[in-house]
Amino acid sequence: MSKSNYITRITRLSVLPEKEPIFSELCTHITIVDEAAGEYLEITQQSGCPNMKEQTISLSADEWPAIKGAIEQLLAECRQ
């Protein structure tokens, strides 16, 4: 039996409420992207508006700790 030169990688996860379809505006897609300059993440959401395109945020691994910290800081400041 010969060994395969192929691997399987998970490169996208979708976060969405139960019972929502993956094209829902409530669905967030997190994707590994590589445009030949190294891998980074894109976080994308569909728009609920027909005239609005999907929204994308691109993050490198180096940026994540600072961005995560800022998000957690502001979440703690949110009023209930």
N, C-alpha and C. Protein backbone atom coordinates (compact mmCIF):
# COMPACT_ATOMS: atom_id res chain seq x y z
N MET A 1 0.84 -1.18 0.00
CA MET A 1 0.00 0.00 0.00
C MET A 1 0.89 1.25 0.00
N SER A 2 0.67 2.16 -0.94
CA SER A 2 1.52 3.35 -1.03
C SER A 2 0.97 4.46 -0.14
N LYS A 3 1.89 5.26 0.34
CA LYS A 3 1.51 6.39 1.20
C LYS A 3 1.06 7.57 0.34
N SER A 4 -0.03 8.20 0.70
CA SER A 4 -0.57 9.34 -0.03
C SER A 4 0.22 10.60 0.27
N ASN A 5 0.35 11.46 -0.72
CA ASN A 5 1.00 12.75 -0.55
C ASN A 5 0.01 13.86 -0.23
N TYR A 6 -1.21 13.47 0.12
CA TYR A 6 -2.26 14.44 0.41
C TYR A 6 -2.58 14.46 1.89
N ILE A 7 -2.97 15.64 2.37
CA ILE A 7 -3.43 15.78 3.75
C ILE A 7 -4.81 16.42 3.72
N THR A 8 -5.51 16.32 4.82
CA THR A 8 -6.79 17.01 4.97
C THR A 8 -6.60 18.09 6.02
N ARG A 9 -6.99 19.32 5.68
CA ARG A 9 -6.89 20.44 6.62
C ARG A 9 -8.26 21.07 6.79
N ILE A 10 -8.56 21.43 8.00
CA ILE A 10 -9.75 22.24 8.27
C ILE A 10 -9.30 23.68 8.13
N THR A 11 -9.93 24.42 7.21
CA THR A 11 -9.53 25.81 6.95
C THR A 11 -10.65 26.80 7.15
N ARG A 12 -11.84 26.30 7.56
CA ARG A 12 -12.95 27.22 7.81
C ARG A 12 -13.88 26.62 8.86
N LEU A 13 -14.27 27.47 9.80
CA LEU A 13 -15.28 27.12 10.79
C LEU A 13 -16.40 28.15 10.68
N SER A 14 -17.61 27.70 10.91
CA SER A 14 -18.77 28.60 10.88
C SER A 14 -19.43 28.57 12.25
N VAL A 15 -19.69 29.76 12.78
CA VAL A 15 -20.33 29.90 14.09
C VAL A 15 -21.70 30.52 13.83
N LEU A 16 -22.76 29.82 14.25
CA LEU A 16 -24.10 30.31 13.98
C LEU A 16 -25.08 29.72 14.96
N PRO A 17 -26.20 30.38 15.15
CA PRO A 17 -27.23 29.82 16.04
C PRO A 17 -27.75 28.50 15.47
N GLU A 18 -28.13 27.61 16.37
CA GLU A 18 -28.76 26.37 15.95
C GLU A 18 -29.93 26.68 15.04
N LYS A 19 -30.17 25.87 14.08
CA LYS A 19 -31.30 25.97 13.14
C LYS A 19 -31.17 27.11 12.13
N GLU A 20 -30.07 27.86 12.15
CA GLU A 20 -29.85 28.88 11.13
C GLU A 20 -29.02 28.26 10.01
N PRO A 21 -29.27 28.65 8.74
CA PRO A 21 -28.45 28.14 7.64
C PRO A 21 -27.10 28.85 7.59
N ILE A 22 -26.13 28.26 6.91
CA ILE A 22 -24.80 28.87 6.86
C ILE A 22 -24.76 30.16 6.05
N PHE A 23 -25.80 30.46 5.27
CA PHE A 23 -25.84 31.73 4.54
C PHE A 23 -26.55 32.82 5.35
N SER A 24 -26.94 32.51 6.58
CA SER A 24 -27.65 33.46 7.43
C SER A 24 -26.75 34.65 7.78
N GLU A 25 -27.37 35.82 7.94
CA GLU A 25 -26.61 37.00 8.40
C GLU A 25 -26.12 36.82 9.83
N LEU A 26 -26.64 35.84 10.54
CA LEU A 26 -26.21 35.56 11.91
C LEU A 26 -25.02 34.59 11.95
N CYS A 27 -24.59 34.12 10.80
CA CYS A 27 -23.49 33.17 10.71
C CYS A 27 -22.16 33.92 10.54
N THR A 28 -21.17 33.55 11.33
CA THR A 28 -19.83 34.11 11.23
C THR A 28 -18.90 33.02 10.73
N HIS A 29 -18.16 33.30 9.66
CA HIS A 29 -17.21 32.35 9.09
C HIS A 29 -15.80 32.78 9.47
N ILE A 30 -15.01 31.86 10.00
CA ILE A 30 -13.61 32.11 10.32
C ILE A 30 -12.79 31.22 9.40
N THR A 31 -11.96 31.83 8.55
CA THR A 31 -11.27 31.11 7.49
C THR A 31 -9.77 31.38 7.54
N ILE A 32 -8.96 30.33 7.33
CA ILE A 32 -7.52 30.51 7.14
C ILE A 32 -7.32 30.89 5.67
N VAL A 33 -6.60 31.99 5.45
CA VAL A 33 -6.35 32.49 4.10
C VAL A 33 -4.85 32.61 3.91
N ASP A 34 -4.38 32.35 2.71
CA ASP A 34 -2.96 32.55 2.39
C ASP A 34 -2.87 33.08 0.97
N GLU A 35 -2.39 34.29 0.83
CA GLU A 35 -2.21 34.90 -0.48
C GLU A 35 -0.72 35.02 -0.80
N ALA A 36 0.03 33.97 -0.43
CA ALA A 36 1.47 33.83 -0.69
C ALA A 36 2.37 34.68 0.21
N ALA A 37 1.81 35.33 1.21
CA ALA A 37 2.63 36.12 2.14
C ALA A 37 2.51 35.57 3.55
N GLY A 38 2.00 34.37 3.72
CA GLY A 38 1.78 33.78 5.03
C GLY A 38 0.31 33.71 5.36
N GLU A 39 -0.03 32.76 6.19
CA GLU A 39 -1.43 32.55 6.55
C GLU A 39 -1.93 33.58 7.56
N TYR A 40 -3.19 33.91 7.43
CA TYR A 40 -3.86 34.79 8.38
C TYR A 40 -5.33 34.39 8.40
N LEU A 41 -6.09 34.95 9.33
CA LEU A 41 -7.51 34.63 9.44
C LEU A 41 -8.36 35.75 8.85
N GLU A 42 -9.47 35.36 8.27
CA GLU A 42 -10.51 36.31 7.89
C GLU A 42 -11.77 35.91 8.63
N ILE A 43 -12.42 36.90 9.22
CA ILE A 43 -13.69 36.71 9.92
C ILE A 43 -14.72 37.44 9.08
N THR A 44 -15.74 36.71 8.62
CA THR A 44 -16.70 37.25 7.66
C THR A 44 -18.12 37.02 8.13
N GLN A 45 -18.98 38.01 7.91
CA GLN A 45 -20.42 37.87 8.14
C GLN A 45 -21.15 38.40 6.92
N GLN A 46 -22.25 37.74 6.58
CA GLN A 46 -23.13 38.21 5.52
C GLN A 46 -23.86 39.46 6.01
N SER A 47 -24.27 40.27 5.09
CA SER A 47 -25.06 41.43 5.46
C SER A 47 -26.54 41.08 5.36
N GLY A 48 -27.35 41.67 6.21
CA GLY A 48 -28.78 41.47 6.13
C GLY A 48 -29.43 42.39 5.11
N CYS A 49 -28.64 43.29 4.54
CA CYS A 49 -29.13 44.29 3.61
C CYS A 49 -28.73 43.91 2.18
N PRO A 50 -29.65 43.94 1.23
CA PRO A 50 -29.30 43.57 -0.14
C PRO A 50 -28.24 44.47 -0.77
N ASN A 51 -28.18 45.77 -0.40
CA ASN A 51 -27.20 46.69 -1.01
C ASN A 51 -25.84 46.65 -0.32
N MET A 52 -25.72 45.91 0.78
CA MET A 52 -24.48 45.87 1.54
C MET A 52 -23.73 44.58 1.28
N LYS A 53 -22.43 44.68 1.03
CA LYS A 53 -21.65 43.47 0.80
C LYS A 53 -21.27 42.84 2.15
N GLU A 54 -20.75 41.61 2.09
CA GLU A 54 -20.36 40.96 3.34
C GLU A 54 -19.23 41.74 4.00
N GLN A 55 -19.13 41.63 5.29
CA GLN A 55 -18.14 42.35 6.08
C GLN A 55 -17.00 41.40 6.44
N THR A 56 -15.75 41.86 6.28
CA THR A 56 -14.59 41.00 6.55
C THR A 56 -13.58 41.73 7.40
N ILE A 57 -13.01 41.00 8.37
CA ILE A 57 -11.90 41.46 9.19
C ILE A 57 -10.76 40.48 8.96
N SER A 58 -9.56 40.97 8.70
CA SER A 58 -8.39 40.11 8.52
C SER A 58 -7.46 40.27 9.72
N LEU A 59 -6.98 39.15 10.27
CA LEU A 59 -6.14 39.17 11.47
C LEU A 59 -4.95 38.23 11.31
N SER A 60 -3.78 38.70 11.70
CA SER A 60 -2.62 37.82 11.76
C SER A 60 -2.52 37.24 13.17
N ALA A 61 -1.77 36.19 13.31
CA ALA A 61 -1.58 35.56 14.62
C ALA A 61 -0.94 36.54 15.61
N ASP A 62 -0.06 37.42 15.12
CA ASP A 62 0.60 38.41 15.98
C ASP A 62 -0.38 39.44 16.54
N GLU A 63 -1.40 39.78 15.77
CA GLU A 63 -2.38 40.79 16.19
C GLU A 63 -3.37 40.25 17.22
N TRP A 64 -3.65 38.95 17.16
CA TRP A 64 -4.74 38.37 17.94
C TRP A 64 -4.69 38.67 19.42
N PRO A 65 -3.56 38.50 20.14
CA PRO A 65 -3.59 38.76 21.59
C PRO A 65 -4.05 40.19 21.94
N ALA A 66 -3.58 41.18 21.21
CA ALA A 66 -3.96 42.57 21.50
C ALA A 66 -5.43 42.81 21.16
N ILE A 67 -5.88 42.28 20.04
CA ILE A 67 -7.29 42.46 19.65
C ILE A 67 -8.20 41.73 20.61
N LYS A 68 -7.84 40.51 20.98
CA LYS A 68 -8.64 39.74 21.93
C LYS A 68 -8.72 40.48 23.27
N GLY A 69 -7.59 41.01 23.73
CA GLY A 69 -7.59 41.77 24.99
C GLY A 69 -8.49 42.99 24.93
N ALA A 70 -8.46 43.71 23.80
CA ALA A 70 -9.31 44.90 23.64
C ALA A 70 -10.78 44.51 23.61
N ILE A 71 -11.10 43.42 22.93
CA ILE A 71 -12.49 42.95 22.88
C ILE A 71 -12.96 42.56 24.27
N GLU A 72 -12.14 41.82 25.01
CA GLU A 72 -12.53 41.40 26.36
C GLU A 72 -12.69 42.61 27.28
N GLN A 73 -11.82 43.61 27.13
CA GLN A 73 -11.91 44.82 27.94
C GLN A 73 -13.23 45.54 27.68
N LEU A 74 -13.59 45.71 26.42
CA LEU A 74 -14.83 46.40 26.09
C LEU A 74 -16.06 45.58 26.45
N LEU A 75 -15.98 44.27 26.30
CA LEU A 75 -17.11 43.42 26.73
C LEU A 75 -17.38 43.59 28.22
N ALA A 76 -16.32 43.72 29.00
CA ALA A 76 -16.47 43.92 30.45
C ALA A 76 -17.11 45.27 30.74
N GLU A 77 -16.95 46.24 29.85
CA GLU A 77 -17.52 47.58 30.03
C GLU A 77 -18.97 47.67 29.56
N CYS A 78 -19.43 46.69 28.81
CA CYS A 78 -20.80 46.72 28.29
C CYS A 78 -21.80 46.68 29.45
N ARG A 79 -22.79 47.52 29.36
CA ARG A 79 -23.84 47.50 30.38
C ARG A 79 -24.82 46.38 30.11
N GLN A 80 -25.26 45.75 31.16
CA GLN A 80 -26.18 44.61 31.01
C GLN A 80 -27.56 45.05 30.68
